[in-house]
C-alpha atoms as a PDB file:
ATOM      1  CA  MET A   1      -7.039  23.159 -26.343  1.00  0.00           C
ATOM      2  CA  ILE A   2      -3.891  22.367 -24.324  1.00  0.00           C
ATOM      3  CA  THR A   3      -0.848  21.588 -26.461  1.00  0.00           C
ATOM      4  CA  HIS A   4       1.639  20.748 -23.715  1.00  0.00           C
ATOM      5  CA  ALA A   5       2.706  21.349 -20.129  1.00  0.00           C
ATOM      6  CA  THR A   6       6.046  22.524 -18.758  1.00  0.00           C
ATOM      7  CA  PRO A   7       7.372  22.499 -15.200  1.00  0.00           C
ATOM      8  CA  ALA A   8       7.319  25.865 -13.457  1.00  0.00           C
ATOM      9  CA  ARG A   9      10.531  26.906 -11.747  1.00  0.00           C
ATOM     10  CA  ARG A  10       9.254  26.367  -8.252  1.00  0.00           C
ATOM     11  CA  ASP A  11       9.850  23.930  -5.441  1.00  0.00           C
ATOM     12  CA  ILE A  12       8.293  20.489  -5.534  1.00  0.00           C
ATOM     13  CA  ARG A  13       6.158  19.931  -2.457  1.00  0.00           C
ATOM     14  CA  TYR A  14       5.303  16.778  -0.540  1.00  0.00           C
ATOM     15  CA  ASP A  15       2.234  16.517   1.665  1.00  0.00           C
ATOM     16  CA  PRO A  16       2.711  13.732   4.223  1.00  0.00           C
ATOM     17  CA  THR A  17      -0.984  13.819   5.133  1.00  0.00           C
ATOM     18  CA  THR A  18      -2.123  12.821   1.624  1.00  0.00           C
ATOM     19  CA  GLU A  19       1.191  11.194   0.629  1.00  0.00           C
ATOM     20  CA  ARG A  20       1.093  13.213  -2.582  1.00  0.00           C
ATOM     21  CA  THR A  21       3.763  15.251  -4.303  1.00  0.00           C
ATOM     22  CA  THR A  22       2.741  18.392  -6.161  1.00  0.00           C
ATOM     23  CA  ILE A  23       4.693  20.014  -8.969  1.00  0.00           C
ATOM     24  CA  ALA A  24       3.836  23.480 -10.259  1.00  0.00           C
ATOM     25  CA  ILE A  25       3.386  23.379 -14.033  1.00  0.00           C
ATOM     26  CA  THR A  26       2.326  25.697 -16.811  1.00  0.00           C
ATOM     27  CA  LEU A  27      -0.309  24.571 -19.305  1.00  0.00           C
ATOM     28  CA  HIS A  28       0.194  25.947 -22.819  1.00  0.00           C
ATOM     29  CA  HIS A  29      -2.770  26.415 -25.149  1.00  0.00           C
ATOM     30  CA  LEU A  30      -3.008  26.263 -28.925  1.00  0.00           C
ATOM     31  CA  ASP A  31      -3.793  30.002 -29.092  1.00  0.00           C
ATOM     32  CA  GLY A  32      -0.468  30.854 -27.401  1.00  0.00           C
ATOM     33  CA  THR A  33      -1.882  31.583 -23.956  1.00  0.00           C
ATOM     34  CA  SER A  34      -0.779  29.721 -20.846  1.00  0.00           C
ATOM     35  CA  GLU A  35      -2.006  29.166 -17.322  1.00  0.00           C
ATOM     36  CA  PRO A  36      -0.533  27.818 -14.099  1.00  0.00           C
ATOM     37  CA  SER A  37      -1.647  24.457 -12.788  1.00  0.00           C
ATOM     38  CA  THR A  38      -0.443  21.667 -10.518  1.00  0.00           C
ATOM     39  CA  LEU A  39       0.600  18.108 -11.270  1.00  0.00           C
ATOM     40  CA  VAL A  40      -0.248  15.778  -8.385  1.00  0.00           C
ATOM     41  CA  LEU A  41       1.633  12.475  -8.129  1.00  0.00           C
ATOM     42  CA  THR A  42       1.454   9.433  -5.876  1.00  0.00           C
ATOM     43  CA  PRO A  43       4.614   7.905  -4.406  1.00  0.00           C
ATOM     44  CA  ASP A  44       4.501   5.106  -7.039  1.00  0.00           C
ATOM     45  CA  GLU A  45       4.222   7.662  -9.847  1.00  0.00           C
ATOM     46  CA  ILE A  46       7.171   9.623  -8.445  1.00  0.00           C
ATOM     47  CA  GLN A  47       9.290   6.448  -8.378  1.00  0.00           C
ATOM     48  CA  LEU A  48       8.301   5.497 -11.937  1.00  0.00           C
ATOM     49  CA  HIS A  49       9.067   8.974 -13.298  1.00  0.00           C
ATOM     50  CA  ALA A  50      12.372   9.118 -11.419  1.00  0.00           C
ATOM     51  CA  ILE A  51      13.454   5.871 -13.123  1.00  0.00           C
ATOM     52  CA  GLN A  52      12.268   7.081 -16.528  1.00  0.00           C
ATOM     53  CA  LEU A  53      14.049  10.428 -16.163  1.00  0.00           C
ATOM     54  CA  GLU A  54      17.271   8.673 -15.197  1.00  0.00           C
ATOM     55  CA  GLN A  55      16.992   6.424 -18.243  1.00  0.00           C
ATOM     56  CA  ALA A  56      16.358   9.415 -20.492  1.00  0.00           C
ATOM     57  CA  GLY A  57      19.450  11.130 -19.084  1.00  0.00           C
ATOM     58  CA  GLU A  58      21.533   8.015 -19.741  1.00  0.00           C
ATOM     59  CA  ARG A  59      20.272   7.834 -23.343  1.00  0.00           C
ATOM     60  CA  ARG A  60      21.108  11.507 -23.822  1.00  0.00           C
ATOM     61  CA  GLU A  61      24.650  10.977 -22.509  1.00  0.00           C
ATOM     62  CA  ALA A  62      25.117   7.907 -24.698  1.00  0.00           C
ATOM     63  CA  ALA A  63      24.006   9.887 -27.778  1.00  0.00           C
ATOM     64  CA  GLY A  64      26.770  12.372 -27.094  1.00  0.00           C
END
């Protein structure tokens, strides 16, 4: 069972042919093991997450 995913410290890649962005991630399992994987996002998903990340950063700054 996967418990969570974390971004891998690698470059984000954009494929203009498919118009998809791929982000290397690591999947973490309940038993403590992990495995590499890829998160694939559409342009709309990238825009949505960019806005949400900016808002999260603003909330963090406001919290001090």
